C-alpha cells in the first residue's frame, strides 16, 4: 500500500506428494489457520479442532474419516469442531448422540468462514487490495 510501513508477506506452501494417495489434504483448514495465526499473532482456542480440504478458490471440501476424527477430538477434550459443510450428514449419522451433545459443530463452505469460526467473528478483517487496480488480491489484517 502506498505510504504504508506495513511489510508485504508472500507465502508459498509446497506440499510434495506423500506416500499415501490421500495423505494430508484434509489438513488444509488447520494449516491455513496455523499460517494466519503465525502472521497475525492471533491464537485459535486450544479446545478447537478442525479439518477440511481447501480448493485454490477457497472452498472447503468434504473429507473422509469424520467419525474417527470427531471421536478423537472428543477424547482430546475438544469442545468445538470445524468441519466441511458437505460432511454434515456424516456427523448426524455416524457420530454418537452423546458425543454430538457435548460438542459444538461448525460446518463451513469457505476458508473465510472457517477462519471466522476458528478465530472468532471480527477478530480478523478482510478487505480488497489497494494500489494494483485489479482488486483480486485479498489482504488480511488482525483486529486485536
C-alpha atoms as a PDB file:
ATOM      1  CA  UNK A   1       0.000   0.000   0.000  1.00  0.00           C
ATOM      2  CA  UNK A   2       1.399   3.383  -0.909  1.00  0.00           C
ATOM      3  CA  UNK A   3       2.787   5.286   2.066  1.00  0.00           C
ATOM      4  CA  UNK A   4       2.322   2.344   4.411  1.00  0.00           C
ATOM      5  CA  UNK A   5       5.061   0.923   6.589  1.00  0.00           C
ATOM      6  CA  UNK A   6       3.363  -2.499   6.593  1.00  0.00           C
ATOM      7  CA  UNK A   7       5.645  -5.220   5.256  1.00  0.00           C
ATOM      8  CA  UNK A   8       4.327  -7.311   2.402  1.00  0.00           C
ATOM      9  CA  UNK A   9       4.462 -11.033   3.042  1.00  0.00           C
ATOM     10  CA  UNK A  10       4.157 -13.507   0.193  1.00  0.00           C
ATOM     11  CA  UNK A  11       3.732 -17.093   1.372  1.00  0.00           C
ATOM     12  CA  UNK A  12       4.098 -20.180  -0.790  1.00  0.00           C
ATOM     13  CA  UNK A  13       3.481 -23.510   0.894  1.00  0.00           C
ATOM     14  CA  UNK A  14       4.587 -26.501  -1.157  1.00  0.00           C
ATOM     15  CA  UNK A  15       3.395 -29.933  -0.108  1.00  0.00           C
ATOM     16  CA  UNK A  16       5.068 -32.667  -2.161  1.00  0.00           C
ATOM     17  CA  UNK A  17       3.212 -35.884  -2.873  1.00  0.00           C
ATOM     18  CA  UNK A  18       3.191 -38.136   0.181  1.00  0.00           C
ATOM     19  CA  UNK A  19       3.433 -41.887   0.499  1.00  0.00           C
ATOM     20  CA  UNK A  20      -0.342 -42.295   0.613  1.00  0.00           C
ATOM     21  CA  UNK A  21      -2.589 -41.125  -2.202  1.00  0.00           C
ATOM     22  CA  UNK A  22      -4.872 -39.014   0.036  1.00  0.00           C
ATOM     23  CA  UNK A  23      -2.480 -38.467   2.929  1.00  0.00           C
ATOM     24  CA  UNK A  24      -2.736 -34.919   4.243  1.00  0.00           C
ATOM     25  CA  UNK A  25      -5.193 -32.870   2.133  1.00  0.00           C
ATOM     26  CA  UNK A  26      -7.744 -32.755   4.951  1.00  0.00           C
ATOM     27  CA  UNK A  27      -5.300 -30.637   6.957  1.00  0.00           C
ATOM     28  CA  UNK A  28      -5.872 -27.627   4.659  1.00  0.00           C
ATOM     29  CA  UNK A  29      -8.079 -25.713   7.101  1.00  0.00           C
ATOM     30  CA  UNK A  30      -5.732 -26.429  10.020  1.00  0.00           C
ATOM     31  CA  UNK A  31      -2.631 -25.406   8.039  1.00  0.00           C
ATOM     32  CA  UNK A  32      -4.322 -22.194   6.905  1.00  0.00           C
ATOM     33  CA  UNK A  33      -5.306 -21.342  10.474  1.00  0.00           C
ATOM     34  CA  UNK A  34      -1.750 -22.045  11.628  1.00  0.00           C
ATOM     35  CA  UNK A  35      -0.313 -19.680   8.998  1.00  0.00           C
ATOM     36  CA  UNK A  36      -2.856 -16.958   9.805  1.00  0.00           C
ATOM     37  CA  UNK A  37      -2.056 -17.347  13.490  1.00  0.00           C
ATOM     38  CA  UNK A  38       1.664 -17.040  12.788  1.00  0.00           C
ATOM     39  CA  UNK A  39       1.256 -13.962  10.597  1.00  0.00           C
ATOM     40  CA  UNK A  40      -1.237 -12.114  12.798  1.00  0.00           C
ATOM     41  CA  UNK A  41      -0.266 -13.220  16.293  1.00  0.00           C
ATOM     42  CA  UNK A  42      -3.875 -14.267  16.920  1.00  0.00           C
ATOM     43  CA  UNK A  43      -4.434 -17.656  18.543  1.00  0.00           C
ATOM     44  CA  UNK A  44      -7.099 -20.288  17.971  1.00  0.00           C
ATOM     45  CA  UNK A  45      -8.536 -21.554  21.273  1.00  0.00           C
ATOM     46  CA  UNK A  46      -6.852 -24.777  22.387  1.00  0.00           C
ATOM     47  CA  UNK A  47     -10.249 -26.506  22.600  1.00  0.00           C
ATOM     48  CA  UNK A  48     -10.976 -26.090  18.876  1.00  0.00           C
ATOM     49  CA  UNK A  49     -10.365 -28.890  16.382  1.00  0.00           C
ATOM     50  CA  UNK A  50     -10.690 -28.582  12.602  1.00  0.00           C
ATOM     51  CA  UNK A  51     -10.450 -30.483   9.356  1.00  0.00           C
ATOM     52  CA  UNK A  52     -11.201 -29.766   5.725  1.00  0.00           C
ATOM     53  CA  UNK A  53      -9.582 -29.666   2.329  1.00  0.00           C
ATOM     54  CA  UNK A  54      -9.298 -26.237   0.690  1.00  0.00           C
ATOM     55  CA  UNK A  55      -9.514 -25.622  -3.051  1.00  0.00           C
ATOM     56  CA  UNK A  56      -7.496 -22.949  -4.826  1.00  0.00           C
ATOM     57  CA  UNK A  57     -10.642 -20.790  -4.871  1.00  0.00           C
ATOM     58  CA  UNK A  58     -11.105 -21.014  -1.094  1.00  0.00           C
ATOM     59  CA  UNK A  59     -13.873 -23.600  -0.926  1.00  0.00           C
ATOM     60  CA  UNK A  60     -13.748 -26.137   1.907  1.00  0.00           C
ATOM     61  CA  UNK A  61     -14.498 -29.607   0.552  1.00  0.00           C
ATOM     62  CA  UNK A  62     -15.513 -32.890   2.186  1.00  0.00           C
ATOM     63  CA  UNK A  63     -13.027 -35.187   3.887  1.00  0.00           C
ATOM     64  CA  UNK A  64     -13.093 -38.827   4.915  1.00  0.00           C
ATOM     65  CA  UNK A  65     -12.915 -40.397   8.357  1.00  0.00           C
ATOM     66  CA  UNK A  66     -15.135 -37.804  10.019  1.00  0.00           C
ATOM     67  CA  UNK A  67     -16.420 -40.172  12.712  1.00  0.00           C
ATOM     68  CA  UNK A  68     -12.891 -41.126  13.749  1.00  0.00           C
ATOM     69  CA  UNK A  69     -11.718 -37.507  13.689  1.00  0.00           C
ATOM     70  CA  UNK A  70     -14.643 -36.305  15.815  1.00  0.00           C
ATOM     71  CA  UNK A  71     -14.248 -39.148  18.315  1.00  0.00           C
ATOM     72  CA  UNK A  72     -10.518 -38.367  18.554  1.00  0.00           C
ATOM     73  CA  UNK A  73     -11.296 -34.699  19.146  1.00  0.00           C
ATOM     74  CA  UNK A  74     -13.797 -35.679  21.828  1.00  0.00           C
ATOM     75  CA  UNK A  75     -11.213 -37.899  23.562  1.00  0.00           C
ATOM     76  CA  UNK A  76      -8.782 -34.948  23.457  1.00  0.00           C
ATOM     77  CA  UNK A  77     -11.441 -32.816  25.214  1.00  0.00           C
ATOM     78  CA  UNK A  78     -12.098 -30.507  22.257  1.00  0.00           C
ATOM     79  CA  UNK A  79     -15.346 -28.583  22.649  1.00  0.00           C
ATOM     80  CA  UNK A  80     -15.629 -27.106  19.145  1.00  0.00           C
ATOM     81  CA  UNK A  81     -15.070 -28.824  15.799  1.00  0.00           C
ATOM     82  CA  UNK A  82     -14.884 -27.036  12.442  1.00  0.00           C
ATOM     83  CA  UNK A  83     -15.878 -29.319   9.564  1.00  0.00           C
ATOM     84  CA  UNK A  84     -16.763 -29.011   5.870  1.00  0.00           C
ATOM     85  CA  UNK A  85     -20.469 -28.398   5.277  1.00  0.00           C
ATOM     86  CA  UNK A  86     -20.503 -31.421   2.962  1.00  0.00           C
ATOM     87  CA  UNK A  87     -19.700 -33.656   5.973  1.00  0.00           C
ATOM     88  CA  UNK A  88     -22.784 -32.576   7.949  1.00  0.00           C
ATOM     89  CA  UNK A  89     -24.632 -35.831   7.279  1.00  0.00           C
ATOM     90  CA  UNK A  90     -21.592 -37.866   8.362  1.00  0.00           C
ATOM     91  CA  UNK A  91     -21.777 -36.250  11.789  1.00  0.00           C
ATOM     92  CA  UNK A  92     -25.558 -36.695  12.033  1.00  0.00           C
ATOM     93  CA  UNK A  93     -25.458 -40.379  11.023  1.00  0.00           C
ATOM     94  CA  UNK A  94     -22.125 -41.683  12.322  1.00  0.00           C
ATOM     95  CA  UNK A  95     -21.226 -39.759  15.481  1.00  0.00           C
ATOM     96  CA  UNK A  96     -22.967 -40.984  18.668  1.00  0.00           C
ATOM     97  CA  UNK A  97     -25.610 -38.633  20.076  1.00  0.00           C
ATOM     98  CA  UNK A  98     -23.879 -38.300  23.459  1.00  0.00           C
ATOM     99  CA  UNK A  99     -20.722 -37.051  21.695  1.00  0.00           C
ATOM    100  CA  UNK A 100     -22.698 -34.631  19.495  1.00  0.00           C
ATOM    101  CA  UNK A 101     -24.422 -33.197  22.558  1.00  0.00           C
ATOM    102  CA  UNK A 102     -21.093 -32.426  24.246  1.00  0.00           C
ATOM    103  CA  UNK A 103     -19.507 -30.619  21.296  1.00  0.00           C
ATOM    104  CA  UNK A 104     -20.221 -27.585  19.132  1.00  0.00           C
ATOM    105  CA  UNK A 105     -20.032 -28.288  15.396  1.00  0.00           C
ATOM    106  CA  UNK A 106     -19.422 -25.503  12.903  1.00  0.00           C
ATOM    107  CA  UNK A 107     -19.959 -26.532   9.272  1.00  0.00           C
ATOM    108  CA  UNK A 108     -18.214 -24.269   6.766  1.00  0.00           C
ATOM    109  CA  UNK A 109     -18.246 -23.823   2.991  1.00  0.00           C
ATOM    110  CA  UNK A 110     -15.370 -21.343   2.573  1.00  0.00           C
ATOM    111  CA  UNK A 111     -11.976 -20.700   4.134  1.00  0.00           C
ATOM    112  CA  UNK A 112     -13.126 -17.226   5.202  1.00  0.00           C
ATOM    113  CA  UNK A 113     -15.985 -18.707   7.249  1.00  0.00           C
ATOM    114  CA  UNK A 114     -13.589 -21.331   8.660  1.00  0.00           C
ATOM    115  CA  UNK A 115     -11.194 -18.589   9.803  1.00  0.00           C
ATOM    116  CA  UNK A 116     -14.054 -16.674  11.459  1.00  0.00           C
ATOM    117  CA  UNK A 117     -15.151 -19.864  13.220  1.00  0.00           C
ATOM    118  CA  UNK A 118     -11.614 -20.577  14.411  1.00  0.00           C
ATOM    119  CA  UNK A 119     -10.527 -17.094  15.495  1.00  0.00           C
ATOM    120  CA  UNK A 120     -13.903 -15.564  16.337  1.00  0.00           C
ATOM    121  CA  UNK A 121     -16.114 -13.205  14.416  1.00  0.00           C
ATOM    122  CA  UNK A 122     -14.473  -9.841  13.895  1.00  0.00           C
ATOM    123  CA  UNK A 123     -11.004 -10.945  15.083  1.00  0.00           C
ATOM    124  CA  UNK A 124      -9.688 -10.965  11.518  1.00  0.00           C
ATOM    125  CA  UNK A 125     -10.609  -8.296   8.978  1.00  0.00           C
ATOM    126  CA  UNK A 126     -10.856  -8.882   5.237  1.00  0.00           C
ATOM    127  CA  UNK A 127     -10.568  -6.205   2.610  1.00  0.00           C
ATOM    128  CA  UNK A 128      -9.638  -5.860  -1.057  1.00  0.00           C
ATOM    129  CA  UNK A 129      -6.109  -4.869  -2.019  1.00  0.00           C
ATOM    130  CA  UNK A 130      -5.436  -1.214  -2.738  1.00  0.00           C
ATOM    131  CA  UNK A 131      -2.956   0.041  -5.283  1.00  0.00           C
ATOM    132  CA  UNK A 132      -2.770  -2.571  -8.022  1.00  0.00           C
ATOM    133  CA  UNK A 133      -6.149  -1.706  -9.563  1.00  0.00           C
ATOM    134  CA  UNK A 134      -7.163  -5.324 -10.094  1.00  0.00           C
ATOM    135  CA  UNK A 135      -8.888  -5.833  -6.741  1.00  0.00           C
ATOM    136  CA  UNK A 136      -8.105  -9.548  -6.982  1.00  0.00           C
ATOM    137  CA  UNK A 137      -5.734  -9.853  -4.031  1.00  0.00           C
ATOM    138  CA  UNK A 138      -7.227 -10.305  -0.610  1.00  0.00           C
ATOM    139  CA  UNK A 139      -5.342  -8.807   2.289  1.00  0.00           C
ATOM    140  CA  UNK A 140      -5.888  -9.858   5.851  1.00  0.00           C
ATOM    141  CA  UNK A 141      -5.346  -7.768   8.939  1.00  0.00           C
ATOM    142  CA  UNK A 142      -5.778  -8.564  12.575  1.00  0.00           C
ATOM    143  CA  UNK A 143      -8.192  -6.511  14.661  1.00  0.00           C
ATOM    144  CA  UNK A 144      -6.713  -7.396  18.050  1.00  0.00           C
END
